[in-house]
Amino acid sequence: MLVQKLRVQRGWSQEQLAELAGISVRTVQRIERGRRANPESLKALGAVFEIDFSRLQETAMSDPKSADLPTEEALALARVRKVKEFWVHLIQFVVLMPMFVIGNLLTTPDQLWCLWVLLAWGPAVGLHALAVFNRISFLDGAWERREVEKLLGRRL
């Protein structure tokens, strides 16, 4: 989360950070999600952020949810990441679905297999939106807390 905070403070996209650090975008995404990073990647990121790479290394080895960030910052960064993932999912659907329809009509117009894709993927995008924007009340944070309290047999 520290890498994400530093990146967002500078107004950089993941792609820009990856390019500046000379690492892959996928590596940046993994590090921001709290996965372990190799020392070379951390050194490159430390150089870009102009901080000692050991600070990034300590953060990577600690609990990724805490990552030296106040709770509200960690929650806000996680929330923004979920919203961004939804928008990417929606854009993929909007761009690819017409391509599937056109491909289907050009190759096998007598078999409309693209409808199966639409019937599966469309509701999935809708459910993703409902979950991200807290419209499914039984899957929100309060529900999670209640379930954890049930399992623990006590209040958090």
N, C-alpha and C. Protein backbone atom coordinates (compact mmCIF):
# COMPACT_ATOMS: atom_id res chain seq x y z
N MET A 1 0.82 -1.20 0.00
CA MET A 1 0.00 0.00 0.00
C MET A 1 0.86 1.26 0.00
N LEU A 2 2.06 1.21 0.59
CA LEU A 2 2.93 2.37 0.59
C LEU A 2 3.29 2.77 -0.83
N VAL A 3 3.56 1.81 -1.70
CA VAL A 3 3.91 2.11 -3.08
C VAL A 3 2.72 2.80 -3.76
N GLN A 4 1.52 2.30 -3.51
CA GLN A 4 0.34 2.91 -4.11
C GLN A 4 0.16 4.34 -3.60
N LYS A 5 0.36 4.55 -2.30
CA LYS A 5 0.22 5.89 -1.74
C LYS A 5 1.23 6.84 -2.38
N LEU A 6 2.48 6.42 -2.47
CA LEU A 6 3.52 7.27 -3.05
C LEU A 6 3.21 7.57 -4.52
N ARG A 7 2.71 6.56 -5.23
CA ARG A 7 2.37 6.74 -6.65
C ARG A 7 1.21 7.73 -6.81
N VAL A 8 0.18 7.55 -6.01
CA VAL A 8 -1.00 8.42 -6.11
C VAL A 8 -0.66 9.85 -5.71
N GLN A 9 0.20 10.01 -4.68
CA GLN A 9 0.61 11.35 -4.28
C GLN A 9 1.27 12.11 -5.42
N ARG A 10 1.99 11.40 -6.26
CA ARG A 10 2.68 12.03 -7.38
C ARG A 10 1.80 12.14 -8.63
N GLY A 11 0.62 11.54 -8.58
CA GLY A 11 -0.31 11.62 -9.71
C GLY A 11 0.09 10.73 -10.87
N TRP A 12 0.83 9.66 -10.59
CA TRP A 12 1.29 8.75 -11.64
C TRP A 12 0.34 7.58 -11.79
N SER A 13 0.22 7.08 -12.99
CA SER A 13 -0.51 5.83 -13.21
C SER A 13 0.45 4.67 -12.92
N GLN A 14 -0.09 3.49 -12.83
CA GLN A 14 0.76 2.32 -12.63
C GLN A 14 1.70 2.15 -13.81
N GLU A 15 1.21 2.47 -14.99
CA GLU A 15 2.04 2.35 -16.20
C GLU A 15 3.21 3.34 -16.16
N GLN A 16 2.94 4.57 -15.72
CA GLN A 16 4.00 5.56 -15.62
C GLN A 16 5.06 5.15 -14.60
N LEU A 17 4.60 4.66 -13.46
CA LEU A 17 5.55 4.21 -12.43
C LEU A 17 6.39 3.06 -12.95
N ALA A 18 5.76 2.11 -13.61
CA ALA A 18 6.49 0.96 -14.14
C ALA A 18 7.55 1.42 -15.13
N GLU A 19 7.19 2.36 -15.99
CA GLU A 19 8.14 2.86 -16.98
C GLU A 19 9.31 3.59 -16.31
N LEU A 20 9.00 4.43 -15.34
CA LEU A 20 10.05 5.17 -14.63
C LEU A 20 11.00 4.24 -13.88
N ALA A 21 10.43 3.16 -13.30
CA ALA A 21 11.24 2.23 -12.50
C ALA A 21 11.90 1.15 -13.36
N GLY A 22 11.43 1.01 -14.60
CA GLY A 22 12.00 -0.03 -15.46
C GLY A 22 11.55 -1.42 -15.07
N ILE A 23 10.33 -1.52 -14.54
CA ILE A 23 9.75 -2.82 -14.18
C ILE A 23 8.42 -2.96 -14.90
N SER A 24 7.83 -4.14 -14.84
CA SER A 24 6.56 -4.35 -15.54
C SER A 24 5.39 -3.77 -14.75
N VAL A 25 4.33 -3.45 -15.46
CA VAL A 25 3.11 -2.96 -14.83
C VAL A 25 2.56 -4.02 -13.89
N ARG A 26 2.65 -5.27 -14.32
CA ARG A 26 2.16 -6.38 -13.50
C ARG A 26 2.89 -6.43 -12.16
N THR A 27 4.19 -6.13 -12.17
CA THR A 27 4.97 -6.12 -10.93
C THR A 27 4.47 -5.01 -10.01
N VAL A 28 4.19 -3.84 -10.58
CA VAL A 28 3.65 -2.74 -9.78
C VAL A 28 2.31 -3.14 -9.18
N GLN A 29 1.45 -3.77 -9.98
CA GLN A 29 0.14 -4.19 -9.49
C GLN A 29 0.28 -5.18 -8.34
N ARG A 30 1.18 -6.13 -8.49
CA ARG A 30 1.38 -7.13 -7.43
C ARG A 30 1.88 -6.50 -6.14
N ILE A 31 2.84 -5.59 -6.26
CA ILE A 31 3.38 -4.93 -5.08
C ILE A 31 2.31 -4.10 -4.39
N GLU A 32 1.48 -3.40 -5.17
CA GLU A 32 0.42 -2.59 -4.58
C GLU A 32 -0.63 -3.44 -3.89
N ARG A 33 -0.77 -4.68 -4.29
CA ARG A 33 -1.72 -5.58 -3.64
C ARG A 33 -1.12 -6.28 -2.43
N GLY A 34 0.15 -5.97 -2.12
CA GLY A 34 0.76 -6.52 -0.92
C GLY A 34 1.58 -7.77 -1.14
N ARG A 35 1.79 -8.16 -2.38
CA ARG A 35 2.61 -9.35 -2.64
C ARG A 35 4.08 -9.02 -2.45
N ARG A 36 4.87 -10.04 -2.21
CA ARG A 36 6.31 -9.86 -2.02
C ARG A 36 6.95 -9.40 -3.33
N ALA A 37 7.96 -8.57 -3.18
CA ALA A 37 8.69 -8.08 -4.35
C ALA A 37 10.15 -8.43 -4.21
N ASN A 38 10.82 -8.65 -5.34
CA ASN A 38 12.24 -8.97 -5.25
C ASN A 38 13.02 -7.68 -4.97
N PRO A 39 14.21 -7.82 -4.41
CA PRO A 39 15.00 -6.64 -4.04
C PRO A 39 15.29 -5.70 -5.20
N GLU A 40 15.47 -6.25 -6.41
CA GLU A 40 15.75 -5.39 -7.55
C GLU A 40 14.58 -4.46 -7.85
N SER A 41 13.37 -4.99 -7.79
CA SER A 41 12.18 -4.17 -8.02
C SER A 41 12.04 -3.10 -6.95
N LEU A 42 12.29 -3.48 -5.70
CA LEU A 42 12.19 -2.52 -4.60
C LEU A 42 13.26 -1.43 -4.72
N LYS A 43 14.46 -1.81 -5.15
CA LYS A 43 15.53 -0.82 -5.34
C LYS A 43 15.14 0.16 -6.45
N ALA A 44 14.56 -0.35 -7.53
CA ALA A 44 14.14 0.52 -8.63
C ALA A 44 13.04 1.47 -8.17
N LEU A 45 12.08 0.97 -7.41
CA LEU A 45 11.01 1.82 -6.91
C LEU A 45 11.54 2.84 -5.91
N GLY A 46 12.45 2.40 -5.04
CA GLY A 46 13.07 3.32 -4.08
C GLY A 46 13.78 4.46 -4.79
N ALA A 47 14.47 4.14 -5.87
CA ALA A 47 15.17 5.18 -6.63
C ALA A 47 14.18 6.16 -7.25
N VAL A 48 13.09 5.66 -7.78
CA VAL A 48 12.08 6.53 -8.41
C VAL A 48 11.43 7.44 -7.36
N PHE A 49 11.13 6.88 -6.19
CA PHE A 49 10.47 7.66 -5.14
C PHE A 49 11.47 8.46 -4.30
N GLU A 50 12.75 8.24 -4.55
CA GLU A 50 13.82 8.91 -3.82
C GLU A 50 13.74 8.63 -2.33
N ILE A 51 13.52 7.35 -2.00
CA ILE A 51 13.54 6.91 -0.61
C ILE A 51 14.43 5.68 -0.53
N ASP A 52 14.86 5.36 0.68
CA ASP A 52 15.70 4.19 0.88
C ASP A 52 14.87 2.93 0.60
N PHE A 53 15.40 2.05 -0.21
CA PHE A 53 14.64 0.86 -0.60
C PHE A 53 14.33 -0.02 0.61
N SER A 54 15.11 0.09 1.69
CA SER A 54 14.84 -0.73 2.88
C SER A 54 13.49 -0.37 3.49
N ARG A 55 13.07 0.88 3.32
CA ARG A 55 11.74 1.27 3.82
C ARG A 55 10.65 0.52 3.07
N LEU A 56 10.83 0.38 1.77
CA LEU A 56 9.87 -0.39 0.97
C LEU A 56 9.94 -1.87 1.32
N GLN A 57 11.14 -2.36 1.57
CA GLN A 57 11.32 -3.77 1.90
C GLN A 57 10.66 -4.10 3.23
N GLU A 58 10.82 -3.23 4.23
CA GLU A 58 10.17 -3.45 5.53
C GLU A 58 8.66 -3.47 5.37
N THR A 59 8.15 -2.56 4.55
CA THR A 59 6.71 -2.50 4.32
C THR A 59 6.22 -3.77 3.64
N ALA A 60 6.99 -4.27 2.67
CA ALA A 60 6.58 -5.46 1.93
C ALA A 60 6.54 -6.68 2.83
N MET A 61 7.40 -6.72 3.84
CA MET A 61 7.45 -7.89 4.72
C MET A 61 6.44 -7.79 5.85
N SER A 62 5.95 -6.59 6.13
CA SER A 62 4.94 -6.44 7.18
C SER A 62 3.57 -6.75 6.60
N ASP A 63 2.57 -6.60 7.43
CA ASP A 63 1.20 -6.82 6.96
C ASP A 63 0.87 -5.80 5.89
N PRO A 64 0.52 -6.25 4.67
CA PRO A 64 0.25 -5.32 3.59
C PRO A 64 -0.92 -4.38 3.87
N LYS A 65 -1.81 -4.75 4.75
CA LYS A 65 -2.94 -3.88 5.04
C LYS A 65 -2.51 -2.69 5.89
N SER A 66 -1.52 -2.88 6.76
CA SER A 66 -1.08 -1.77 7.59
C SER A 66 -0.11 -0.91 6.82
N ALA A 67 0.97 -1.47 6.36
CA ALA A 67 1.94 -0.81 5.49
C ALA A 67 2.25 0.63 5.87
N ASP A 68 2.36 0.90 7.17
CA ASP A 68 2.72 2.22 7.66
C ASP A 68 1.73 3.31 7.23
N LEU A 69 0.51 2.94 6.91
CA LEU A 69 -0.50 3.91 6.52
C LEU A 69 -1.57 3.98 7.60
N PRO A 70 -2.11 5.15 7.83
CA PRO A 70 -3.27 5.22 8.72
C PRO A 70 -4.41 4.37 8.15
N THR A 71 -5.24 3.85 9.01
CA THR A 71 -6.32 2.97 8.59
C THR A 71 -7.20 3.60 7.53
N GLU A 72 -7.56 4.87 7.72
CA GLU A 72 -8.46 5.50 6.75
C GLU A 72 -7.80 5.64 5.38
N GLU A 73 -6.49 5.87 5.35
CA GLU A 73 -5.79 5.94 4.07
C GLU A 73 -5.76 4.57 3.39
N ALA A 74 -5.47 3.53 4.16
CA ALA A 74 -5.43 2.18 3.60
C ALA A 74 -6.80 1.79 3.05
N LEU A 75 -7.85 2.11 3.80
CA LEU A 75 -9.21 1.80 3.34
C LEU A 75 -9.57 2.61 2.09
N ALA A 76 -9.19 3.88 2.06
CA ALA A 76 -9.48 4.71 0.89
C ALA A 76 -8.75 4.20 -0.34
N LEU A 77 -7.48 3.82 -0.18
CA LEU A 77 -6.72 3.29 -1.32
C LEU A 77 -7.32 1.99 -1.82
N ALA A 78 -7.72 1.13 -0.89
CA ALA A 78 -8.34 -0.14 -1.28
C ALA A 78 -9.66 0.11 -2.00
N ARG A 79 -10.44 1.07 -1.52
CA ARG A 79 -11.73 1.39 -2.15
C ARG A 79 -11.52 1.91 -3.57
N VAL A 80 -10.56 2.82 -3.73
CA VAL A 80 -10.29 3.37 -5.05
C VAL A 80 -9.83 2.27 -6.00
N ARG A 81 -9.03 1.33 -5.50
CA ARG A 81 -8.57 0.22 -6.34
C ARG A 81 -9.75 -0.62 -6.81
N LYS A 82 -10.71 -0.89 -5.92
CA LYS A 82 -11.88 -1.68 -6.30
C LYS A 82 -12.73 -0.96 -7.34
N VAL A 83 -12.91 0.34 -7.17
CA VAL A 83 -13.70 1.11 -8.14
C VAL A 83 -12.99 1.13 -9.49
N LYS A 84 -11.68 1.31 -9.46
CA LYS A 84 -10.91 1.31 -10.72
C LYS A 84 -11.03 -0.04 -11.42
N GLU A 85 -10.94 -1.14 -10.65
CA GLU A 85 -11.07 -2.47 -11.25
C GLU A 85 -12.44 -2.64 -11.89
N PHE A 86 -13.50 -2.08 -11.27
CA PHE A 86 -14.81 -2.16 -11.89
C PHE A 86 -14.84 -1.42 -13.22
N TRP A 87 -14.31 -0.20 -13.25
CA TRP A 87 -14.34 0.59 -14.49
C TRP A 87 -13.55 -0.10 -15.60
N VAL A 88 -12.44 -0.72 -15.25
CA VAL A 88 -11.68 -1.47 -16.25
C VAL A 88 -12.52 -2.63 -16.76
N HIS A 89 -13.20 -3.34 -15.86
CA HIS A 89 -14.07 -4.45 -16.24
C HIS A 89 -15.18 -3.98 -17.18
N LEU A 90 -15.80 -2.85 -16.86
CA LEU A 90 -16.88 -2.32 -17.69
C LEU A 90 -16.36 -1.91 -19.07
N ILE A 91 -15.21 -1.27 -19.11
CA ILE A 91 -14.63 -0.87 -20.40
C ILE A 91 -14.31 -2.09 -21.25
N GLN A 92 -13.78 -3.13 -20.62
CA GLN A 92 -13.50 -4.37 -21.36
C GLN A 92 -14.78 -4.92 -21.96
N PHE A 93 -15.85 -4.93 -21.19
CA PHE A 93 -17.14 -5.43 -21.66
C PHE A 93 -17.64 -4.60 -22.84
N VAL A 94 -17.61 -3.28 -22.69
CA VAL A 94 -18.14 -2.38 -23.72
C VAL A 94 -17.31 -2.46 -25.01
N VAL A 95 -16.02 -2.66 -24.88
CA VAL A 95 -15.16 -2.73 -26.07
C VAL A 95 -15.22 -4.11 -26.72
N LEU A 96 -15.16 -5.16 -25.92
CA LEU A 96 -15.06 -6.51 -26.47
C LEU A 96 -16.40 -7.09 -26.93
N MET A 97 -17.48 -6.74 -26.26
CA MET A 97 -18.77 -7.33 -26.63
C MET A 97 -19.15 -7.03 -28.08
N PRO A 98 -19.04 -5.78 -28.55
CA PRO A 98 -19.34 -5.53 -29.97
C PRO A 98 -18.42 -6.31 -30.90
N MET A 99 -17.17 -6.50 -30.48
CA MET A 99 -16.24 -7.28 -31.31
C MET A 99 -16.71 -8.73 -31.40
N PHE A 100 -17.21 -9.27 -30.29
CA PHE A 100 -17.73 -10.64 -30.31
C PHE A 100 -18.95 -10.73 -31.24
N VAL A 101 -19.83 -9.75 -31.15
CA VAL A 101 -21.04 -9.75 -31.98
C VAL A 101 -20.65 -9.69 -33.46
N ILE A 102 -19.77 -8.77 -33.80
CA ILE A 102 -19.33 -8.64 -35.20
C ILE A 102 -18.64 -9.91 -35.68
N GLY A 103 -17.75 -10.44 -34.84
CA GLY A 103 -17.06 -11.69 -35.19
C GLY A 103 -18.02 -12.83 -35.38
N ASN A 104 -19.01 -12.91 -34.52
CA ASN A 104 -20.03 -13.96 -34.62
C ASN A 104 -20.83 -13.81 -35.91
N LEU A 105 -21.27 -12.60 -36.21
CA LEU A 105 -22.09 -12.38 -37.40
C LEU A 105 -21.30 -12.59 -38.69
N LEU A 106 -20.01 -12.32 -38.66
CA LEU A 106 -19.19 -12.52 -39.85
C LEU A 106 -18.79 -13.98 -40.07
N THR A 107 -18.62 -14.73 -38.99
CA THR A 107 -18.14 -16.12 -39.13
C THR A 107 -19.26 -17.14 -39.13
N THR A 108 -20.13 -17.07 -38.15
CA THR A 108 -21.21 -18.06 -38.05
C THR A 108 -22.53 -17.35 -37.73
N PRO A 109 -23.12 -16.66 -38.71
CA PRO A 109 -24.35 -15.90 -38.43
C PRO A 109 -25.54 -16.77 -38.07
N ASP A 110 -25.50 -18.04 -38.41
CA ASP A 110 -26.62 -18.93 -38.09
C ASP A 110 -26.57 -19.43 -36.64
N GLN A 111 -25.42 -19.27 -35.99
CA GLN A 111 -25.27 -19.66 -34.58
C GLN A 111 -24.88 -18.42 -33.77
N LEU A 112 -25.78 -17.92 -32.99
CA LEU A 112 -25.52 -16.70 -32.24
C LEU A 112 -24.92 -17.02 -30.86
N TRP A 113 -23.69 -17.53 -30.88
CA TRP A 113 -23.01 -17.85 -29.63
C TRP A 113 -22.68 -16.60 -28.82
N CYS A 114 -22.63 -15.45 -29.48
CA CYS A 114 -22.31 -14.20 -28.76
C CYS A 114 -23.37 -13.88 -27.71
N LEU A 115 -24.60 -14.38 -27.91
CA LEU A 115 -25.65 -14.16 -26.92
C LEU A 115 -25.31 -14.85 -25.60
N TRP A 116 -24.68 -16.02 -25.68
CA TRP A 116 -24.27 -16.72 -24.46
C TRP A 116 -23.23 -15.92 -23.70
N VAL A 117 -22.30 -15.32 -24.45
CA VAL A 117 -21.29 -14.46 -23.83
C VAL A 117 -21.97 -13.27 -23.16
N LEU A 118 -22.89 -12.64 -23.88
CA LEU A 118 -23.61 -11.49 -23.35
C LEU A 118 -24.42 -11.86 -22.11
N LEU A 119 -25.10 -13.00 -22.15
CA LEU A 119 -25.93 -13.43 -21.02
C LEU A 119 -25.11 -13.82 -19.79
N ALA A 120 -23.86 -14.20 -19.99
CA ALA A 120 -23.00 -14.54 -18.86
C ALA A 120 -22.23 -13.32 -18.36
N TRP A 121 -21.63 -12.59 -19.28
CA TRP A 121 -20.74 -11.50 -18.91
C TRP A 121 -21.52 -10.26 -18.47
N GLY A 122 -22.63 -9.96 -19.12
CA GLY A 122 -23.43 -8.78 -18.75
C GLY A 122 -23.85 -8.78 -17.30
N PRO A 123 -24.51 -9.84 -16.83
CA PRO A 123 -24.88 -9.88 -15.41
C PRO A 123 -23.66 -9.86 -14.48
N ALA A 124 -22.55 -10.45 -14.93
CA ALA A 124 -21.34 -10.43 -14.10
C ALA A 124 -20.86 -8.99 -13.90
N VAL A 125 -20.91 -8.19 -14.95
CA VAL A 125 -20.54 -6.77 -14.84
C VAL A 125 -21.53 -6.06 -13.91
N GLY A 126 -22.79 -6.37 -14.06
CA GLY A 126 -23.81 -5.76 -13.20
C GLY A 126 -23.61 -6.11 -11.74
N LEU A 127 -23.33 -7.37 -11.45
CA LEU A 127 -23.07 -7.77 -10.06
C LEU A 127 -21.80 -7.12 -9.53
N HIS A 128 -20.80 -7.00 -10.38
CA HIS A 128 -19.56 -6.33 -9.98
C HIS A 128 -19.87 -4.89 -9.57
N ALA A 129 -20.69 -4.20 -10.36
CA ALA A 129 -21.06 -2.82 -10.04
C ALA A 129 -21.83 -2.75 -8.72
N LEU A 130 -22.79 -3.65 -8.55
CA LEU A 130 -23.57 -3.66 -7.30
C LEU A 130 -22.68 -3.89 -6.08
N ALA A 131 -21.70 -4.77 -6.22
CA ALA A 131 -20.80 -5.06 -5.11
C ALA A 131 -19.87 -3.87 -4.82
N VAL A 132 -19.30 -3.30 -5.87
CA VAL A 132 -18.34 -2.19 -5.69
C VAL A 132 -19.02 -0.95 -5.11
N PHE A 133 -20.23 -0.66 -5.57
CA PHE A 133 -20.91 0.54 -5.13
C PHE A 133 -21.88 0.26 -3.97
N ASN A 134 -21.66 -0.86 -3.26
CA ASN A 134 -22.39 -1.22 -2.05
C ASN A 134 -23.90 -1.21 -2.21
N ARG A 135 -24.37 -1.78 -3.31
CA ARG A 135 -25.81 -1.88 -3.54
C ARG A 135 -26.33 -3.27 -3.17
N ILE A 136 -25.42 -4.17 -2.85
CA ILE A 136 -25.82 -5.50 -2.37
C ILE A 136 -25.58 -5.49 -0.87
N SER A 137 -26.63 -5.22 -0.13
CA SER A 137 -26.48 -4.98 1.30
C SER A 137 -25.94 -6.19 2.07
N PHE A 138 -26.21 -7.38 1.59
CA PHE A 138 -25.74 -8.54 2.33
C PHE A 138 -24.27 -8.86 2.06
N LEU A 139 -23.59 -8.10 1.21
CA LEU A 139 -22.17 -8.33 0.97
C LEU A 139 -21.32 -7.11 1.30
N ASP A 140 -21.86 -6.17 2.07
CA ASP A 140 -21.10 -4.97 2.39
C ASP A 140 -20.22 -5.19 3.62
N GLY A 141 -19.57 -4.14 4.06
CA GLY A 141 -18.66 -4.23 5.20
C GLY A 141 -19.37 -4.65 6.48
N ALA A 142 -20.60 -4.17 6.67
CA ALA A 142 -21.36 -4.54 7.87
C ALA A 142 -21.65 -6.04 7.88
N TRP A 143 -21.97 -6.58 6.73
CA TRP A 143 -22.21 -8.03 6.63
C TRP A 143 -20.95 -8.80 6.98
N GLU A 144 -19.81 -8.34 6.43
CA GLU A 144 -18.54 -9.01 6.72
C GLU A 144 -18.27 -8.99 8.23
N ARG A 145 -18.47 -7.83 8.85
CA ARG A 145 -18.23 -7.72 10.29
C ARG A 145 -19.13 -8.69 11.07
N ARG A 146 -20.43 -8.74 10.70
CA ARG A 146 -21.35 -9.65 11.38
C ARG A 146 -20.91 -11.10 11.24
N GLU A 147 -20.47 -11.48 10.04
CA GLU A 147 -20.03 -12.86 9.81
C GLU A 147 -18.78 -13.19 10.63
N VAL A 148 -17.85 -12.25 10.68
CA VAL A 148 -16.63 -12.47 11.47
C VAL A 148 -16.99 -12.60 12.95
N GLU A 149 -17.90 -11.73 13.42
CA GLU A 149 -18.31 -11.80 14.81
C GLU A 149 -19.02 -13.12 15.12
N LYS A 150 -19.80 -13.63 14.17
CA LYS A 150 -20.45 -14.94 14.35
C LYS A 150 -19.40 -16.02 14.53
N LEU A 151 -18.39 -16.00 13.64
CA LEU A 151 -17.35 -17.02 13.70
C LEU A 151 -16.54 -16.92 14.99
N LEU A 152 -16.27 -15.71 15.43
CA LEU A 152 -15.49 -15.52 16.64
C LEU A 152 -16.31 -15.73 17.91
N GLY A 153 -17.61 -15.54 17.78
CA GLY A 153 -18.48 -15.64 18.94
C GLY A 153 -18.37 -14.43 19.85
N ARG A 154 -17.87 -13.35 19.33
CA ARG A 154 -17.74 -12.11 20.10
C ARG A 154 -17.70 -10.93 19.14
N ARG A 155 -17.80 -9.72 19.72
CA ARG A 155 -17.74 -8.51 18.91
C ARG A 155 -16.27 -8.18 18.59
N LEU A 156 -16.08 -7.58 17.44
CA LEU A 156 -14.73 -7.15 17.07
C LEU A 156 -14.33 -5.89 17.81
